[in-house]
C-alpha atoms as a PDB file:
ATOM      1  CA  MET A   1     111.776  90.975  85.433  1.00  0.00           C
ATOM      2  CA  SER A   2     109.067  89.961  82.895  1.00  0.00           C
ATOM      3  CA  GLU A   3     108.506  92.576  79.453  1.00  0.00           C
ATOM      4  CA  GLU A   4     104.930  93.315  80.457  1.00  0.00           C
ATOM      5  CA  ARG A   5     106.424  94.442  83.787  1.00  0.00           C
ATOM      6  CA  ILE A   6     109.154  96.720  82.286  1.00  0.00           C
ATOM      7  CA  GLN A   7     106.972  97.905  79.325  1.00  0.00           C
ATOM      8  CA  LYS A   8     104.565  98.848  82.460  1.00  0.00           C
ATOM      9  CA  GLU A   9     107.649 100.745  84.433  1.00  0.00           C
ATOM     10  CA  TYR A  10     108.432 102.610  80.933  1.00  0.00           C
ATOM     11  CA  MET A  11     105.208 103.208  80.242  1.00  0.00           C
ATOM     12  CA  GLU A  12     105.104 104.809  84.008  1.00  0.00           C
ATOM     13  CA  ARG A  13     108.114 106.840  83.676  1.00  0.00           C
ATOM     14  CA  LEU A  14     106.966 108.515  80.766  1.00  0.00           C
ATOM     15  CA  ILE A  15     103.431 109.330  82.212  1.00  0.00           C
ATOM     16  CA  LYS A  16     105.184 111.203  85.255  1.00  0.00           C
ATOM     17  CA  ASN A  17     107.332 112.923  83.081  1.00  0.00           C
ATOM     18  CA  LEU A  18     104.096 114.116  79.919  1.00  0.00           C
ATOM     19  CA  PRO A  19     104.209 117.369  81.016  1.00  0.00           C
ATOM     20  CA  VAL A  20     107.865 118.031  81.179  1.00  0.00           C
ATOM     21  CA  LEU A  21     108.740 116.456  77.375  1.00  0.00           C
ATOM     22  CA  ARG A  22     105.613 118.540  76.532  1.00  0.00           C
ATOM     23  CA  ALA A  23     107.340 121.939  77.358  1.00  0.00           C
ATOM     24  CA  SER A  24     110.535 120.738  75.851  1.00  0.00           C
ATOM     25  CA  VAL A  25     108.948 120.723  72.461  1.00  0.00           C
ATOM     26  CA  ARG A  26     106.665 123.691  73.342  1.00  0.00           C
ATOM     27  CA  ILE A  27     103.194 121.532  72.521  1.00  0.00           C
ATOM     28  CA  THR A  28      99.828 121.954  73.934  1.00  0.00           C
ATOM     29  CA  GLN A  29      97.573 118.499  75.311  1.00  0.00           C
ATOM     30  CA  ARG A  30      95.652 119.060  72.430  1.00  0.00           C
ATOM     31  CA  GLU A  31      98.829 119.209  69.820  1.00  0.00           C
ATOM     32  CA  LEU A  32     100.119 116.317  70.755  1.00  0.00           C
ATOM     33  CA  ALA A  33      97.116 114.387  70.862  1.00  0.00           C
ATOM     34  CA  GLU A  34      96.356 115.373  67.263  1.00  0.00           C
ATOM     35  CA  LYS A  35      99.885 114.359  66.832  1.00  0.00           C
ATOM     36  CA  ILE A  36      98.956 110.505  68.045  1.00  0.00           C
ATOM     37  CA  GLY A  37      95.586 110.372  66.720  1.00  0.00           C
ATOM     38  CA  ILE A  38      93.554 110.763  70.084  1.00  0.00           C
ATOM     39  CA  THR A  39      91.439 113.354  71.645  1.00  0.00           C
ATOM     40  CA  ARG A  40      92.569 116.206  74.008  1.00  0.00           C
ATOM     41  CA  GLN A  41      90.581 114.776  76.488  1.00  0.00           C
ATOM     42  CA  SER A  42      91.789 111.053  76.582  1.00  0.00           C
ATOM     43  CA  MET A  43      95.753 112.891  76.515  1.00  0.00           C
ATOM     44  CA  MET A  44      94.509 114.430  79.775  1.00  0.00           C
ATOM     45  CA  ALA A  45      93.246 111.470  81.509  1.00  0.00           C
ATOM     46  CA  ILE A  46      96.245 109.564  80.533  1.00  0.00           C
ATOM     47  CA  GLU A  47      98.477 112.543  82.084  1.00  0.00           C
ATOM     48  CA  THR A  48      96.577 112.251  85.229  1.00  0.00           C
ATOM     49  CA  ARG A  49      96.426 109.094  85.299  1.00  0.00           C
ATOM     50  CA  LYS A  50      92.393 108.740  85.183  1.00  0.00           C
ATOM     51  CA  ARG A  51      93.210 106.488  81.819  1.00  0.00           C
ATOM     52  CA  PRO A  52      95.453 104.243  81.285  1.00  0.00           C
ATOM     53  CA  LEU A  53      98.531 104.580  79.000  1.00  0.00           C
ATOM     54  CA  GLN A  54      97.822 101.476  76.112  1.00  0.00           C
ATOM     55  CA  TRP A  55     101.855 100.325  74.883  1.00  0.00           C
ATOM     56  CA  SER A  56     100.247 101.635  71.301  1.00  0.00           C
ATOM     57  CA  THR A  57      99.751 105.741  72.640  1.00  0.00           C
ATOM     58  CA  TYR A  58     103.396 105.123  74.566  1.00  0.00           C
ATOM     59  CA  LEU A  59     105.020 104.166  71.439  1.00  0.00           C
ATOM     60  CA  ALA A  60     103.020 106.910  69.196  1.00  0.00           C
ATOM     61  CA  LEU A  61     104.398 109.416  72.212  1.00  0.00           C
ATOM     62  CA  VAL A  62     107.732 108.402  71.836  1.00  0.00           C
ATOM     63  CA  LEU A  63     108.003 108.857  68.481  1.00  0.00           C
ATOM     64  CA  VAL A  64     107.171 112.169  68.421  1.00  0.00           C
ATOM     65  CA  PHE A  65     109.479 113.126  71.239  1.00  0.00           C
ATOM     66  CA  GLN A  66     112.368 111.476  69.325  1.00  0.00           C
ATOM     67  CA  GLN A  67     111.995 114.302  66.477  1.00  0.00           C
ATOM     68  CA  THR A  68     113.357 116.880  68.218  1.00  0.00           C
ATOM     69  CA  GLU A  69     116.834 117.097  69.994  1.00  0.00           C
ATOM     70  CA  ASP A  70     115.603 118.609  73.357  1.00  0.00           C
ATOM     71  CA  SER A  71     113.107 116.235  73.802  1.00  0.00           C
ATOM     72  CA  ALA A  72     115.283 113.155  72.518  1.00  0.00           C
ATOM     73  CA  LEU A  73     117.803 113.446  75.138  1.00  0.00           C
ATOM     74  CA  LEU A  74     115.180 114.043  78.049  1.00  0.00           C
ATOM     75  CA  LEU A  75     113.911 110.226  76.566  1.00  0.00           C
ATOM     76  CA  ASP A  76     117.624 109.547  76.796  1.00  0.00           C
ATOM     77  CA  ASN A  77     118.091 110.740  80.184  1.00  0.00           C
ATOM     78  CA  LEU A  78     114.856 110.032  81.912  1.00  0.00           C
ATOM     79  CA  LYS A  79     115.484 106.482  80.999  1.00  0.00           C
ATOM     80  CA  LEU A  80     112.073 106.728  79.562  1.00  0.00           C
ATOM     81  CA  PHE A  81     112.538 104.781  76.061  1.00  0.00           C
ATOM     82  CA  SER A  82     114.612 101.290  75.327  1.00  0.00           C
ATOM     83  CA  ASP A  83     116.372 100.380  71.871  1.00  0.00           C
ATOM     84  CA  GLU A  84     115.499  96.834  72.916  1.00  0.00           C
ATOM     85  CA  PHE A  85     111.765  97.520  72.521  1.00  0.00           C
ATOM     86  CA  LEU A  86     112.505  97.789  68.965  1.00  0.00           C
ATOM     87  CA  LYS A  87     113.756  94.234  68.482  1.00  0.00           C
END
């Protein structure tokens, strides 16, 4: 499978689980959007699949969710990030 296809798969899984991840860290769409440097409207559009998730935004979201134990465990258990992407 191509790297682009693998990235797309991971991004789709993250989008699907964004509400659960946000709940695990008790953060609103607005607060999360501010942390990663996008608008709340953009975050809402990503969650509702009206706007595609960019790879840079995916990585920013992963970094935010890796900061707390609960959401980091969710990232791992739901296979939403691979250490292979760091290479």
